[in-house]
Amino acid sequence: MPKPRIHRRTTNEIQQLLTAFQSSGQTRAEFCASHRLPISTLDSYRRRPLTPAFIEINLPPSPPDSFAIVLRNGRRLELTWNALPHIADQLDGLLLRLEA
């Protein structure tokens, strides 16, 4: 007997699911039960970055003294350019924690 095919959600489908969860007002358990989704799968999607870790930005010829990184969940991380070299090696982990 052949194995059943496992449906892999696309990035767009995952993003729609996460958006639906965020706007549902439901707990993880309630949302997952209503969507027949294991909680571990939802948690995995919430931890997974859906956009590239690095994006290209264009700075003006004379950049400002500080900048803000605005995450999909609305959280902001404001930094000065002088602070960036001191936290650069920790920035990726920090952004992932803030995104959760």
N, C-alpha and C. Protein backbone atom coordinates (compact mmCIF):
# COMPACT_ATOMS: atom_id res chain seq x y z
N MET A 1 0.85 -1.17 0.00
CA MET A 1 0.00 0.00 0.00
C MET A 1 0.90 1.25 0.00
N PRO A 2 0.69 2.20 -0.93
CA PRO A 2 1.54 3.39 -0.99
C PRO A 2 1.30 4.32 0.20
N LYS A 3 2.36 5.02 0.56
CA LYS A 3 2.26 5.99 1.65
C LYS A 3 1.43 7.18 1.19
N PRO A 4 0.61 7.72 2.09
CA PRO A 4 -0.14 8.92 1.70
C PRO A 4 0.81 10.11 1.56
N ARG A 5 0.51 10.97 0.61
CA ARG A 5 1.32 12.17 0.41
C ARG A 5 1.09 13.16 1.54
N ILE A 6 2.17 13.74 2.01
CA ILE A 6 2.08 14.75 3.06
C ILE A 6 2.04 16.11 2.39
N HIS A 7 1.03 16.89 2.73
CA HIS A 7 0.91 18.24 2.16
C HIS A 7 1.86 19.17 2.90
N ARG A 8 2.75 19.78 2.16
CA ARG A 8 3.66 20.78 2.72
C ARG A 8 3.07 22.15 2.43
N ARG A 9 2.86 22.93 3.47
CA ARG A 9 2.31 24.27 3.27
C ARG A 9 3.35 25.18 2.64
N THR A 10 2.88 26.03 1.78
CA THR A 10 3.77 27.03 1.18
C THR A 10 4.01 28.14 2.19
N THR A 11 5.00 28.98 1.92
CA THR A 11 5.27 30.12 2.79
C THR A 11 4.04 31.01 2.89
N ASN A 12 3.34 31.19 1.79
CA ASN A 12 2.13 32.01 1.79
C ASN A 12 1.05 31.39 2.67
N GLU A 13 0.87 30.08 2.58
CA GLU A 13 -0.13 29.40 3.40
C GLU A 13 0.21 29.51 4.89
N ILE A 14 1.49 29.38 5.21
CA ILE A 14 1.92 29.50 6.60
C ILE A 14 1.67 30.92 7.11
N GLN A 15 1.99 31.91 6.29
CA GLN A 15 1.77 33.30 6.69
C GLN A 15 0.28 33.56 6.91
N GLN A 16 -0.58 33.02 6.06
CA GLN A 16 -2.02 33.20 6.23
C GLN A 16 -2.50 32.53 7.52
N LEU A 17 -1.95 31.37 7.83
CA LEU A 17 -2.31 30.67 9.05
C LEU A 17 -1.88 31.46 10.28
N LEU A 18 -0.66 32.00 10.26
CA LEU A 18 -0.16 32.80 11.38
C LEU A 18 -0.97 34.08 11.55
N THR A 19 -1.33 34.71 10.44
CA THR A 19 -2.15 35.92 10.51
C THR A 19 -3.52 35.59 11.10
N ALA A 20 -4.09 34.47 10.68
CA ALA A 20 -5.39 34.05 11.21
C ALA A 20 -5.28 33.78 12.71
N PHE A 21 -4.20 33.15 13.14
CA PHE A 21 -4.03 32.88 14.57
C PHE A 21 -3.91 34.18 15.36
N GLN A 22 -3.09 35.10 14.86
CA GLN A 22 -2.87 36.35 15.58
C GLN A 22 -4.15 37.18 15.71
N SER A 23 -4.99 37.12 14.72
CA SER A 23 -6.23 37.92 14.76
C SER A 23 -7.41 37.16 15.37
N SER A 24 -7.21 35.88 15.69
CA SER A 24 -8.34 35.06 16.17
C SER A 24 -8.73 35.34 17.61
N GLY A 25 -7.79 35.77 18.43
CA GLY A 25 -8.08 35.96 19.84
C GLY A 25 -8.17 34.65 20.60
N GLN A 26 -7.87 33.54 19.93
CA GLN A 26 -7.94 32.23 20.55
C GLN A 26 -6.59 31.85 21.16
N THR A 27 -6.63 30.92 22.10
CA THR A 27 -5.40 30.36 22.61
C THR A 27 -4.81 29.45 21.53
N ARG A 28 -3.55 29.06 21.71
CA ARG A 28 -2.93 28.14 20.74
C ARG A 28 -3.75 26.86 20.64
N ALA A 29 -4.16 26.32 21.79
CA ALA A 29 -4.91 25.06 21.80
C ALA A 29 -6.25 25.20 21.08
N GLU A 30 -6.97 26.29 21.34
CA GLU A 30 -8.27 26.51 20.69
C GLU A 30 -8.11 26.65 19.18
N PHE A 31 -7.12 27.47 18.77
CA PHE A 31 -6.90 27.69 17.35
C PHE A 31 -6.53 26.39 16.65
N CYS A 32 -5.61 25.65 17.26
CA CYS A 32 -5.16 24.40 16.63
C CYS A 32 -6.29 23.38 16.54
N ALA A 33 -7.12 23.31 17.57
CA ALA A 33 -8.25 22.37 17.54
C ALA A 33 -9.22 22.74 16.43
N SER A 34 -9.47 24.05 16.27
CA SER A 34 -10.43 24.46 15.25
C SER A 34 -9.87 24.33 13.83
N HIS A 35 -8.55 24.26 13.69
CA HIS A 35 -7.94 24.12 12.37
C HIS A 35 -7.32 22.74 12.16
N ARG A 36 -7.59 21.82 13.09
CA ARG A 36 -7.05 20.45 13.00
C ARG A 36 -5.54 20.48 12.74
N LEU A 37 -4.85 21.20 13.61
CA LEU A 37 -3.42 21.46 13.47
C LEU A 37 -2.74 21.12 14.79
N PRO A 38 -1.67 20.33 14.77
CA PRO A 38 -0.95 20.08 16.01
C PRO A 38 -0.34 21.37 16.56
N ILE A 39 -0.39 21.53 17.87
CA ILE A 39 0.19 22.73 18.50
C ILE A 39 1.67 22.84 18.16
N SER A 40 2.36 21.70 18.10
CA SER A 40 3.79 21.73 17.79
C SER A 40 4.05 22.30 16.39
N THR A 41 3.14 22.07 15.47
CA THR A 41 3.28 22.63 14.12
C THR A 41 3.10 24.14 14.14
N LEU A 42 2.09 24.61 14.85
CA LEU A 42 1.89 26.05 14.97
C LEU A 42 3.10 26.70 15.63
N ASP A 43 3.59 26.10 16.70
CA ASP A 43 4.77 26.65 17.39
C ASP A 43 5.98 26.69 16.46
N SER A 44 6.13 25.66 15.66
CA SER A 44 7.24 25.62 14.70
C SER A 44 7.10 26.75 13.68
N TYR A 45 5.89 26.97 13.18
CA TYR A 45 5.67 28.05 12.23
C TYR A 45 5.95 29.41 12.86
N ARG A 46 5.58 29.56 14.13
CA ARG A 46 5.78 30.85 14.81
C ARG A 46 7.27 31.14 15.02
N ARG A 47 8.08 30.11 15.17
CA ARG A 47 9.52 30.31 15.37
C ARG A 47 10.27 30.50 14.05
N ARG A 48 9.69 30.03 12.98
CA ARG A 48 10.37 30.03 11.68
C ARG A 48 10.32 31.40 11.03
N PRO A 49 11.48 31.92 10.65
CA PRO A 49 11.45 33.18 9.89
C PRO A 49 10.90 32.92 8.50
N LEU A 50 9.92 33.71 8.08
CA LEU A 50 9.30 33.50 6.77
C LEU A 50 9.88 34.41 5.70
N THR A 51 10.68 35.34 6.14
CA THR A 51 11.32 36.24 5.19
C THR A 51 12.82 36.05 5.30
N PRO A 52 13.56 36.44 4.30
CA PRO A 52 15.01 36.29 4.39
C PRO A 52 15.56 36.99 5.62
N ALA A 53 16.61 36.40 6.19
CA ALA A 53 17.21 36.97 7.39
C ALA A 53 17.84 38.33 7.09
N PHE A 54 18.27 38.53 5.86
CA PHE A 54 18.91 39.78 5.50
C PHE A 54 18.14 40.43 4.37
N ILE A 55 17.92 41.71 4.50
CA ILE A 55 17.28 42.44 3.43
C ILE A 55 18.16 43.63 3.05
N GLU A 56 18.00 44.08 1.85
CA GLU A 56 18.77 45.22 1.38
C GLU A 56 18.06 46.50 1.78
N ILE A 57 18.82 47.44 2.30
CA ILE A 57 18.25 48.74 2.63
C ILE A 57 19.06 49.82 1.94
N ASN A 58 18.41 50.88 1.61
CA ASN A 58 19.07 52.02 1.01
C ASN A 58 19.13 53.14 2.03
N LEU A 59 20.33 53.59 2.32
CA LEU A 59 20.50 54.67 3.28
C LEU A 59 20.72 55.99 2.57
N PRO A 60 20.26 57.06 3.17
CA PRO A 60 20.53 58.37 2.57
C PRO A 60 22.04 58.66 2.67
N PRO A 61 22.54 59.61 1.90
CA PRO A 61 23.98 59.91 1.93
C PRO A 61 24.47 60.22 3.34
N SER A 62 23.65 60.85 4.14
CA SER A 62 24.02 61.14 5.52
C SER A 62 23.00 60.44 6.42
N PRO A 63 23.29 59.17 6.82
CA PRO A 63 22.29 58.42 7.59
C PRO A 63 22.05 59.05 8.96
N PRO A 64 20.85 58.83 9.51
CA PRO A 64 20.55 59.36 10.85
C PRO A 64 21.40 58.66 11.91
N ASP A 65 21.40 59.20 13.12
CA ASP A 65 22.19 58.63 14.21
C ASP A 65 21.65 57.30 14.70
N SER A 66 20.36 57.08 14.52
CA SER A 66 19.76 55.84 15.00
C SER A 66 18.80 55.29 13.94
N PHE A 67 18.36 54.07 14.18
CA PHE A 67 17.42 53.42 13.27
C PHE A 67 16.55 52.47 14.08
N ALA A 68 15.44 52.05 13.48
CA ALA A 68 14.52 51.12 14.14
C ALA A 68 14.28 49.93 13.22
N ILE A 69 14.21 48.77 13.83
CA ILE A 69 13.82 47.55 13.13
C ILE A 69 12.41 47.24 13.62
N VAL A 70 11.44 47.19 12.70
CA VAL A 70 10.06 46.91 13.07
C VAL A 70 9.74 45.49 12.62
N LEU A 71 9.35 44.65 13.56
CA LEU A 71 9.07 43.25 13.27
C LEU A 71 7.62 43.08 12.83
N ARG A 72 7.32 41.92 12.25
CA ARG A 72 5.96 41.65 11.76
C ARG A 72 4.93 41.73 12.88
N ASN A 73 5.33 41.40 14.12
CA ASN A 73 4.37 41.43 15.22
C ASN A 73 4.22 42.82 15.82
N GLY A 74 4.87 43.83 15.23
CA GLY A 74 4.74 45.20 15.66
C GLY A 74 5.79 45.66 16.67
N ARG A 75 6.56 44.73 17.18
CA ARG A 75 7.61 45.13 18.11
C ARG A 75 8.70 45.89 17.37
N ARG A 76 9.29 46.87 18.07
CA ARG A 76 10.34 47.71 17.49
C ARG A 76 11.62 47.54 18.29
N LEU A 77 12.72 47.53 17.60
CA LEU A 77 14.04 47.53 18.23
C LEU A 77 14.75 48.76 17.70
N GLU A 78 14.99 49.73 18.57
CA GLU A 78 15.66 50.96 18.17
C GLU A 78 17.11 50.92 18.62
N LEU A 79 18.00 51.23 17.70
CA LEU A 79 19.44 51.16 17.95
C LEU A 79 20.13 52.39 17.40
N THR A 80 21.27 52.68 17.96
CA THR A 80 22.14 53.69 17.37
C THR A 80 23.15 52.96 16.50
N TRP A 81 23.65 53.64 15.51
CA TRP A 81 24.65 53.01 14.64
C TRP A 81 25.89 52.64 15.44
N ASN A 82 26.23 53.42 16.48
CA ASN A 82 27.40 53.13 17.30
C ASN A 82 27.24 51.83 18.08
N ALA A 83 26.01 51.47 18.43
CA ALA A 83 25.77 50.25 19.20
C ALA A 83 25.83 49.00 18.33
N LEU A 84 25.58 49.15 17.05
CA LEU A 84 25.49 47.99 16.16
C LEU A 84 26.71 47.09 16.18
N PRO A 85 27.94 47.59 16.10
CA PRO A 85 29.09 46.68 16.12
C PRO A 85 29.19 45.87 17.41
N HIS A 86 28.67 46.39 18.51
CA HIS A 86 28.77 45.70 19.80
C HIS A 86 27.76 44.58 19.95
N ILE A 87 26.66 44.63 19.22
CA ILE A 87 25.64 43.59 19.35
C ILE A 87 25.42 42.80 18.06
N ALA A 88 26.20 43.08 17.03
CA ALA A 88 25.97 42.47 15.72
C ALA A 88 25.92 40.94 15.79
N ASP A 89 26.80 40.32 16.57
CA ASP A 89 26.83 38.86 16.62
C ASP A 89 25.64 38.29 17.40
N GLN A 90 24.91 39.11 18.14
CA GLN A 90 23.76 38.65 18.92
C GLN A 90 22.43 39.10 18.31
N LEU A 91 22.48 39.91 17.28
CA LEU A 91 21.27 40.53 16.73
C LEU A 91 20.29 39.51 16.17
N ASP A 92 20.76 38.52 15.45
CA ASP A 92 19.87 37.53 14.84
C ASP A 92 19.07 36.81 15.92
N GLY A 93 19.74 36.33 16.97
CA GLY A 93 19.04 35.64 18.06
C GLY A 93 18.06 36.54 18.78
N LEU A 94 18.44 37.79 18.96
CA LEU A 94 17.57 38.76 19.62
C LEU A 94 16.29 38.99 18.80
N LEU A 95 16.45 39.14 17.50
CA LEU A 95 15.29 39.36 16.64
C LEU A 95 14.37 38.16 16.63
N LEU A 96 14.92 36.96 16.65
CA LEU A 96 14.08 35.76 16.69
C LEU A 96 13.29 35.69 17.98
N ARG A 97 13.91 36.04 19.10
CA ARG A 97 13.20 36.03 20.38
C ARG A 97 12.10 37.10 20.40
N LEU A 98 12.38 38.26 19.85
CA LEU A 98 11.37 39.33 19.82
C LEU A 98 10.21 38.97 18.90
N GLU A 99 10.49 38.20 17.84
CA GLU A 99 9.46 37.83 16.87
C GLU A 99 8.49 36.80 17.43
N ALA A 100 8.94 36.01 18.42
CA ALA A 100 8.10 34.94 18.97
C ALA A 100 6.94 35.48 19.78
